[in-house]
N, C-alpha and C. Protein backbone atom coordinates (compact mmCIF):
# COMPACT_ATOMS: atom_id res chain seq x y z
N UNK A 1 1.05 -1.19 0.00
CA UNK A 1 0.05 -0.03 -0.33
C UNK A 1 0.74 1.47 0.03
N UNK A 2 0.70 2.25 -0.94
CA UNK A 2 1.53 3.36 -0.87
C UNK A 2 1.16 4.50 0.63
N UNK A 3 2.13 4.87 0.57
CA UNK A 3 2.45 5.89 1.77
C UNK A 3 1.70 7.06 1.29
N UNK A 4 0.99 7.47 1.11
CA UNK A 4 0.61 8.73 0.63
C UNK A 4 0.04 10.13 1.52
N UNK A 5 0.24 11.34 1.17
CA UNK A 5 0.04 12.29 2.29
C UNK A 5 1.34 12.43 3.32
N UNK A 6 2.43 11.93 3.39
CA UNK A 6 3.67 11.97 4.44
C UNK A 6 3.79 13.15 4.65
N UNK A 7 3.96 13.98 3.89
CA UNK A 7 4.60 15.33 4.06
C UNK A 7 3.53 16.66 4.32
N UNK A 8 3.81 16.98 5.91
CA UNK A 8 2.77 17.95 5.76
C UNK A 8 3.32 19.32 5.50
N UNK A 9 2.47 20.04 4.84
CA UNK A 9 2.90 21.39 4.43
C UNK A 9 3.25 22.54 5.80
N UNK A 10 2.23 22.13 6.37
CA UNK A 10 2.65 22.83 7.57
C UNK A 10 4.11 22.41 8.25
N UNK A 11 3.87 21.06 8.20
CA UNK A 11 6.00 20.65 8.75
C UNK A 11 6.89 21.42 8.02
N UNK A 12 6.37 21.23 6.79
CA UNK A 12 7.80 21.73 5.96
C UNK A 12 8.08 22.92 5.94
N UNK A 13 6.86 23.81 6.31
CA UNK A 13 7.47 25.44 7.09
C UNK A 13 7.72 25.44 8.47
N UNK A 14 7.32 24.68 9.23
CA UNK A 14 7.47 24.92 10.28
C UNK A 14 8.42 24.30 11.06
N UNK A 15 8.88 23.10 10.92
CA UNK A 15 9.58 22.05 11.85
C UNK A 15 10.40 21.29 10.53
N UNK A 16 11.43 21.24 10.37
CA UNK A 16 12.22 20.44 9.29
C UNK A 16 12.45 19.28 10.43
N UNK A 17 12.58 18.91 11.19
CA UNK A 17 13.17 17.96 11.85
C UNK A 17 11.91 16.91 11.77
N UNK A 18 10.84 17.13 11.51
CA UNK A 18 9.52 16.15 12.28
C UNK A 18 9.27 16.04 10.38
N UNK A 19 10.07 16.39 9.69
CA UNK A 19 9.52 15.87 8.37
C UNK A 19 10.07 14.46 7.64
N UNK A 20 9.48 13.51 6.87
CA UNK A 20 10.11 12.21 6.63
C UNK A 20 10.85 12.11 5.40
N UNK A 21 12.32 12.96 5.70
CA UNK A 21 13.12 13.38 4.97
C UNK A 21 14.22 12.94 5.85
N UNK A 22 15.49 12.70 5.47
CA UNK A 22 16.95 12.95 6.46
C UNK A 22 17.48 13.46 5.35
N UNK A 23 18.74 13.90 5.91
CA UNK A 23 20.19 14.59 4.83
C UNK A 23 20.93 13.33 4.73
N UNK A 24 20.23 11.65 5.55
CA UNK A 24 21.31 11.12 4.40
C UNK A 24 20.52 9.95 3.58
N UNK A 25 19.30 10.39 3.48
CA UNK A 25 18.42 9.44 2.93
C UNK A 25 18.88 9.45 1.62
N UNK A 26 19.26 7.62 0.92
CA UNK A 26 19.76 7.83 -0.31
C UNK A 26 18.46 7.44 -1.05
N UNK A 27 18.86 7.39 -2.23
CA UNK A 27 18.16 6.92 -3.72
C UNK A 27 16.89 5.64 -3.17
N UNK A 28 17.78 4.74 -2.98
CA UNK A 28 16.61 3.98 -2.21
C UNK A 28 15.78 3.82 -1.50
N UNK A 29 16.31 4.26 -0.03
CA UNK A 29 15.70 4.76 0.92
C UNK A 29 14.19 5.54 0.48
N UNK A 30 14.18 6.69 -0.46
CA UNK A 30 13.16 7.19 -0.47
C UNK A 30 11.82 6.41 -1.76
N UNK A 31 12.75 5.41 -2.28
CA UNK A 31 11.72 4.80 -3.29
C UNK A 31 10.73 3.43 -2.02
N UNK A 32 11.70 3.25 -1.06
CA UNK A 32 11.29 2.26 -0.13
C UNK A 32 10.08 2.74 0.67
N UNK A 33 10.66 3.81 0.97
CA UNK A 33 9.63 4.66 2.46
C UNK A 33 8.29 4.93 1.31
N UNK A 34 8.55 5.69 0.45
CA UNK A 34 7.10 6.13 -0.38
C UNK A 34 6.37 5.16 -1.06
N UNK A 35 7.07 3.96 -1.74
CA UNK A 35 6.52 3.32 -2.07
C UNK A 35 5.62 3.63 -3.50
N UNK A 36 5.67 4.70 -4.04
CA UNK A 36 4.79 4.91 -5.24
C UNK A 36 5.72 5.51 -6.42
N UNK A 37 4.98 5.56 -7.82
CA UNK A 37 6.14 5.92 -8.82
C UNK A 37 6.37 7.07 -8.63
N UNK A 38 7.77 7.46 -9.35
CA UNK A 38 8.39 8.59 -9.60
C UNK A 38 8.69 8.94 -10.80
N UNK A 39 8.80 9.76 -11.56
CA UNK A 39 9.64 9.62 -12.73
C UNK A 39 10.93 10.57 -12.34
N UNK A 40 12.01 9.70 -12.78
CA UNK A 40 13.72 10.09 -12.33
C UNK A 40 14.09 10.48 -13.49
N UNK A 41 14.88 11.83 -13.36
CA UNK A 41 15.56 12.33 -14.47
C UNK A 41 16.98 12.69 -13.82
N UNK A 42 18.03 12.73 -14.83
CA UNK A 42 19.12 13.26 -14.20
C UNK A 42 20.04 14.63 -14.99
N UNK A 43 19.74 15.56 -14.25
CA UNK A 43 19.79 17.01 -14.76
C UNK A 43 21.30 17.62 -14.50
N UNK A 44 22.56 16.65 -14.26
CA UNK A 44 23.50 17.30 -14.33
C UNK A 44 24.73 16.04 -13.90
N UNK A 45 25.51 16.80 -13.74
CA UNK A 45 26.52 15.45 -13.26
C UNK A 45 26.32 15.34 -11.56
N UNK A 46 25.94 13.72 -11.30
CA UNK A 46 26.03 13.61 -9.95
C UNK A 46 24.48 13.91 -9.45
N UNK A 47 23.50 14.75 -10.41
CA UNK A 47 22.67 15.44 -9.87
C UNK A 47 21.27 14.92 -10.44
N UNK A 48 20.45 14.35 -9.62
CA UNK A 48 19.09 13.48 -9.88
C UNK A 48 17.93 14.07 -9.47
N UNK A 49 16.71 13.61 -10.30
CA UNK A 49 15.77 14.63 -9.57
C UNK A 49 14.83 12.90 -10.00
N UNK A 50 13.97 13.10 -8.42
CA UNK A 50 12.65 12.10 -8.51
C UNK A 50 11.43 13.23 -8.83
N UNK A 51 10.14 13.20 -9.33
CA UNK A 51 9.60 13.77 -9.24
C UNK A 51 8.20 13.18 -9.20
N UNK A 52 7.51 13.26 -8.05
CA UNK A 52 5.60 13.18 -8.15
C UNK A 52 4.83 14.26 -8.30
N UNK A 53 4.51 14.54 -9.53
CA UNK A 53 3.74 15.54 -10.14
C UNK A 53 4.35 16.92 -9.42
N UNK A 54 3.48 17.62 -8.61
CA UNK A 54 4.51 18.96 -8.38
C UNK A 54 5.95 18.92 -7.26
N UNK A 55 5.70 17.92 -6.55
CA UNK A 55 6.81 17.49 -5.51
C UNK A 55 8.19 17.14 -6.45
N UNK A 56 9.30 17.74 -6.16
CA UNK A 56 10.15 17.39 -6.87
C UNK A 56 11.83 17.34 -5.66
N UNK A 57 12.21 16.20 -5.90
CA UNK A 57 13.44 15.46 -4.32
C UNK A 57 14.49 15.92 -5.48
N UNK A 58 15.50 16.46 -4.92
CA UNK A 58 16.79 16.59 -5.84
C UNK A 58 17.80 15.55 -4.49
N UNK A 59 19.08 14.96 -5.78
CA UNK A 59 19.64 14.09 -5.35
C UNK A 59 20.83 14.53 -5.77
N UNK A 60 21.98 14.47 -4.89
CA UNK A 60 23.46 14.88 -5.33
C UNK A 60 24.15 13.60 -4.86
N UNK A 61 24.82 13.26 -6.15
CA UNK A 61 25.39 11.90 -5.49
C UNK A 61 24.70 10.53 -5.32
N UNK A 62 23.25 10.55 -5.40
CA UNK A 62 22.16 9.32 -4.64
C UNK A 62 21.97 9.68 -3.32
N UNK A 63 22.40 10.98 -2.67
CA UNK A 63 21.65 11.64 -1.65
C UNK A 63 20.88 12.94 -1.81
N UNK A 64 19.98 12.83 -0.69
CA UNK A 64 18.89 13.71 -0.83
C UNK A 64 19.67 14.83 -0.64
N UNK A 65 19.44 16.05 -1.10
CA UNK A 65 19.87 17.00 -1.15
C UNK A 65 18.71 18.04 -0.82
N UNK A 66 17.53 18.33 -1.48
CA UNK A 66 16.82 19.18 -1.14
C UNK A 66 15.40 18.85 -1.66
N UNK A 67 14.56 19.79 -1.60
CA UNK A 67 12.95 19.56 -2.27
C UNK A 67 12.59 20.65 -2.70
N UNK A 68 11.38 20.37 -3.75
CA UNK A 68 10.76 21.70 -4.20
C UNK A 68 9.19 21.31 -4.25
N UNK A 69 8.52 22.09 -4.03
CA UNK A 69 7.06 22.34 -4.77
C UNK A 69 7.03 23.41 -5.06
N UNK A 70 6.47 23.06 -6.71
CA UNK A 70 6.46 23.92 -7.97
C UNK A 70 4.94 24.02 -7.87
N UNK A 71 4.99 25.15 -7.90
CA UNK A 71 3.34 25.79 -8.36
C UNK A 71 2.76 26.19 -9.81
N UNK A 72 3.79 25.29 -10.74
CA UNK A 72 3.10 25.38 -12.28
C UNK A 72 1.64 24.88 -12.62
N UNK A 73 1.66 25.68 -13.34
CA UNK A 73 0.24 24.42 -13.73
C UNK A 73 0.20 23.52 -14.64
N UNK A 74 1.13 22.93 -14.80
CA UNK A 74 1.28 21.61 -15.32
C UNK A 74 1.46 20.68 -14.57
N UNK A 75 1.58 21.09 -13.25
CA UNK A 75 1.49 19.29 -12.59
C UNK A 75 0.16 20.14 -11.46
N UNK A 76 0.08 18.49 -11.32
CA UNK A 76 -0.83 18.48 -10.34
C UNK A 76 -0.47 18.32 -9.20
N UNK A 77 -0.98 19.00 -7.73
CA UNK A 77 -0.33 18.72 -6.48
C UNK A 77 -0.12 17.78 -5.94
N UNK A 78 0.78 17.45 -5.37
CA UNK A 78 1.23 15.84 -4.89
C UNK A 78 0.73 15.31 -4.11
N UNK A 79 0.44 13.70 -4.18
CA UNK A 79 -0.17 13.19 -3.58
C UNK A 79 0.57 12.64 -2.06
N UNK A 80 1.56 13.24 -2.19
CA UNK A 80 2.87 12.67 -1.13
C UNK A 80 2.68 14.11 -0.14
N UNK A 81 2.11 14.86 0.00
CA UNK A 81 1.96 15.85 0.89
C UNK A 81 0.38 16.03 1.07
N UNK A 82 0.36 16.49 2.50
CA UNK A 82 -0.26 16.67 2.96
C UNK A 82 -0.72 18.18 2.77
N UNK A 83 -1.78 18.78 1.77
CA UNK A 83 -1.80 20.26 2.34
C UNK A 83 -2.88 21.03 3.23
N UNK A 84 -2.67 20.37 4.14
CA UNK A 84 -3.62 21.36 4.84
C UNK A 84 -4.51 22.44 4.96
N UNK A 85 -5.38 21.66 3.93
CA UNK A 85 -6.21 22.72 3.11
C UNK A 85 -5.69 23.58 2.46
N UNK A 86 -4.51 23.55 2.25
CA UNK A 86 -3.89 25.38 1.37
C UNK A 86 -4.38 24.59 -0.17
N UNK A 87 -4.46 25.16 -1.26
CA UNK A 87 -4.79 24.85 -2.78
C UNK A 87 -3.68 25.82 -3.18
N UNK A 88 -2.70 24.82 -3.76
CA UNK A 88 -1.17 25.76 -4.39
C UNK A 88 -1.37 26.66 -5.74
N UNK A 89 -2.45 25.98 -6.47
CA UNK A 89 -2.76 26.82 -7.28
C UNK A 89 -3.63 27.90 -7.19
N UNK A 90 -4.34 28.28 -6.48
CA UNK A 90 -5.30 29.56 -6.36
C UNK A 90 -5.43 30.34 -4.84
N UNK A 91 -4.80 29.65 -3.58
CA UNK A 91 -4.79 30.61 -2.76
C UNK A 91 -3.46 31.08 -2.71
N UNK A 92 -3.96 32.10 -1.65
CA UNK A 92 -2.22 33.17 -1.14
C UNK A 92 -1.66 32.35 -0.23
N UNK A 93 -0.25 31.95 -0.31
CA UNK A 93 0.55 31.28 0.83
C UNK A 93 0.66 32.15 1.83
N UNK A 94 0.93 33.49 1.64
CA UNK A 94 0.88 34.65 2.86
C UNK A 94 -0.04 34.48 3.49
N UNK A 95 -1.00 34.61 2.77
CA UNK A 95 -2.39 34.52 3.86
C UNK A 95 -2.65 33.60 4.61
N UNK A 96 -2.30 32.15 3.80
CA UNK A 96 -2.65 30.78 4.72
C UNK A 96 -1.36 31.04 5.69
N UNK A 97 -0.21 31.43 5.28
CA UNK A 97 0.93 31.03 6.71
C UNK A 97 0.54 32.00 7.77
N UNK A 98 -0.34 33.05 7.64
CA UNK A 98 -1.09 34.00 8.49
C UNK A 98 -2.07 33.53 9.35
N UNK A 99 -3.20 32.81 8.71
CA UNK A 99 -4.03 32.39 9.05
C UNK A 99 -3.50 30.85 9.98
N UNK A 100 -2.64 30.40 9.72
CA UNK A 100 -1.62 29.25 10.65
C UNK A 100 -0.91 29.71 11.61
N UNK A 101 -0.18 31.29 11.59
CA UNK A 101 0.60 31.39 12.56
C UNK A 101 1.87 31.15 12.27
N UNK A 102 2.07 30.91 11.18
CA UNK A 102 3.78 30.88 10.60
C UNK A 102 4.08 32.01 10.03
N UNK A 103 5.21 32.51 11.22
CA UNK A 103 5.71 34.10 10.62
C UNK A 103 6.90 33.93 9.44
N UNK A 104 6.95 34.25 8.86
CA UNK A 104 7.44 34.53 7.86
C UNK A 104 8.60 35.86 7.96
N UNK A 105 9.73 35.64 7.46
CA UNK A 105 10.69 36.28 7.33
C UNK A 105 11.53 37.08 5.89
N UNK A 106 11.14 38.27 5.19
CA UNK A 106 11.22 38.51 4.25
C UNK A 106 13.08 38.83 3.74
N UNK A 107 13.49 37.72 2.79
CA UNK A 107 14.85 37.78 2.72
C UNK A 107 15.12 38.75 1.65
N UNK A 108 14.15 38.59 0.47
CA UNK A 108 14.90 39.82 -0.61
C UNK A 108 13.63 39.75 -1.27
N UNK A 109 13.60 41.56 -1.94
CA UNK A 109 12.39 41.54 -2.39
C UNK A 109 12.85 42.25 -3.85
N UNK A 110 12.57 42.17 -5.01
CA UNK A 110 12.74 43.16 -6.55
C UNK A 110 10.99 43.39 -6.75
N UNK A 111 11.45 44.31 -7.93
CA UNK A 111 10.59 44.84 -8.38
C UNK A 111 9.47 43.59 -8.57
N UNK A 112 9.93 42.69 -9.02
CA UNK A 112 8.63 41.65 -9.54
C UNK A 112 8.53 40.54 -8.90
N UNK A 113 9.86 39.77 -7.76
CA UNK A 113 9.69 39.08 -6.96
C UNK A 113 10.12 39.18 -5.49
N UNK A 114 9.22 38.44 -4.53
CA UNK A 114 9.83 38.43 -3.04
C UNK A 114 9.89 36.91 -2.85
N UNK A 115 11.24 36.95 -2.04
CA UNK A 115 11.53 35.62 -0.93
C UNK A 115 11.46 35.73 0.20
N UNK A 116 10.64 34.59 0.89
CA UNK A 116 10.85 34.52 2.32
C UNK A 116 11.02 33.23 2.77
N UNK A 117 11.14 33.57 4.27
CA UNK A 117 11.93 32.71 4.88
C UNK A 117 10.66 31.92 5.99
N UNK A 118 10.68 30.91 6.01
CA UNK A 118 10.01 29.91 6.91
C UNK A 118 10.47 29.96 8.24
N UNK A 119 9.92 29.83 9.42
CA UNK A 119 10.70 29.03 10.45
C UNK A 119 11.64 27.46 10.19
N UNK A 120 11.26 26.96 9.52
CA UNK A 120 12.04 25.39 9.08
C UNK A 120 12.99 25.94 7.92
N UNK A 121 13.06 27.08 7.59
CA UNK A 121 14.67 27.09 6.69
C UNK A 121 13.75 26.86 5.75
N UNK A 122 12.57 26.46 4.73
CA UNK A 122 12.29 26.46 3.83
C UNK A 122 11.83 28.15 2.99
N UNK A 123 12.36 28.21 1.81
CA UNK A 123 12.21 29.50 1.04
C UNK A 123 11.13 29.61 0.19
N UNK A 124 10.21 30.50 0.00
CA UNK A 124 8.69 30.72 -0.34
C UNK A 124 9.35 31.97 -1.36
N UNK A 125 9.36 31.48 -2.57
CA UNK A 125 9.47 32.48 -3.84
C UNK A 125 7.78 32.95 -4.26
N UNK A 126 7.46 34.53 -4.54
CA UNK A 126 6.34 34.79 -4.97
C UNK A 126 6.81 35.46 -6.26
N UNK A 127 6.12 35.26 -7.34
CA UNK A 127 6.68 36.06 -8.86
C UNK A 127 4.97 36.52 -9.20
N UNK A 128 5.41 38.37 -8.96
CA UNK A 128 4.21 39.07 -9.13
C UNK A 128 3.48 39.00 -7.59
N UNK A 129 2.23 38.24 -7.74
CA UNK A 129 1.33 37.96 -6.98
C UNK A 129 1.23 36.92 -6.48
N UNK A 130 1.93 36.09 -7.46
CA UNK A 130 1.65 33.98 -7.26
C UNK A 130 2.56 33.44 -6.84
N UNK A 131 2.16 31.89 -5.83
CA UNK A 131 3.54 31.40 -5.36
C UNK A 131 3.88 30.98 -6.31
N UNK A 132 5.41 30.96 -6.92
CA UNK A 132 6.18 30.31 -7.60
C UNK A 132 6.87 29.15 -7.30
N UNK A 133 7.29 29.01 -5.81
CA UNK A 133 7.69 27.57 -5.90
C UNK A 133 8.14 27.57 -4.06
N UNK A 134 8.15 26.69 -3.40
CA UNK A 134 8.59 26.52 -1.98
C UNK A 134 10.04 24.95 -2.21
N UNK A 135 11.06 25.51 -1.59
CA UNK A 135 12.30 24.87 -1.50
C UNK A 135 12.77 25.04 -0.15
N UNK A 136 13.18 23.63 -0.21
CA UNK A 136 14.21 23.23 1.04
C UNK A 136 14.95 22.51 0.91
N UNK A 137 16.39 22.91 1.41
CA UNK A 137 17.49 22.10 1.82
C UNK A 137 17.08 21.48 2.84
N UNK A 138 17.83 19.89 2.71
CA UNK A 138 17.65 18.90 3.58
C UNK A 138 18.92 18.82 4.55
N UNK A 139 19.76 19.07 3.74
CA UNK A 139 21.34 18.88 4.40
C UNK A 139 21.48 20.19 5.47
N UNK A 140 22.42 20.11 6.57
CA UNK A 140 22.56 20.83 7.75
C UNK A 140 23.08 22.07 6.77
């Protein structure tokens, strides 16, 4: 039986230690843990991805390096993520974080984009008024 909805958006933004992902997770650990099909690809020397809908896991030399939740309309929300009532395509992530009591820190701002940091260290990229992605390194 596949283990779906195992990554909570709230936990991803607030407490990286409680995520079911570890800095020493190898390719085979991730496949064993989630037990669902992924799209896999090589994106550079020693850099690979495992992707399930809008969740992308980046591996360097076979070890988990980071993860990304993309808000691209090309991908459905991943069934490996418990979205905690958040609609990644329609909802405002900043407003959702505020209602959840998640304090964000503005890291960078340009004319077109803003980068926010969550308490877990996850980075939230906003392009215009829309969520672009949520990314986090799992390495210390």
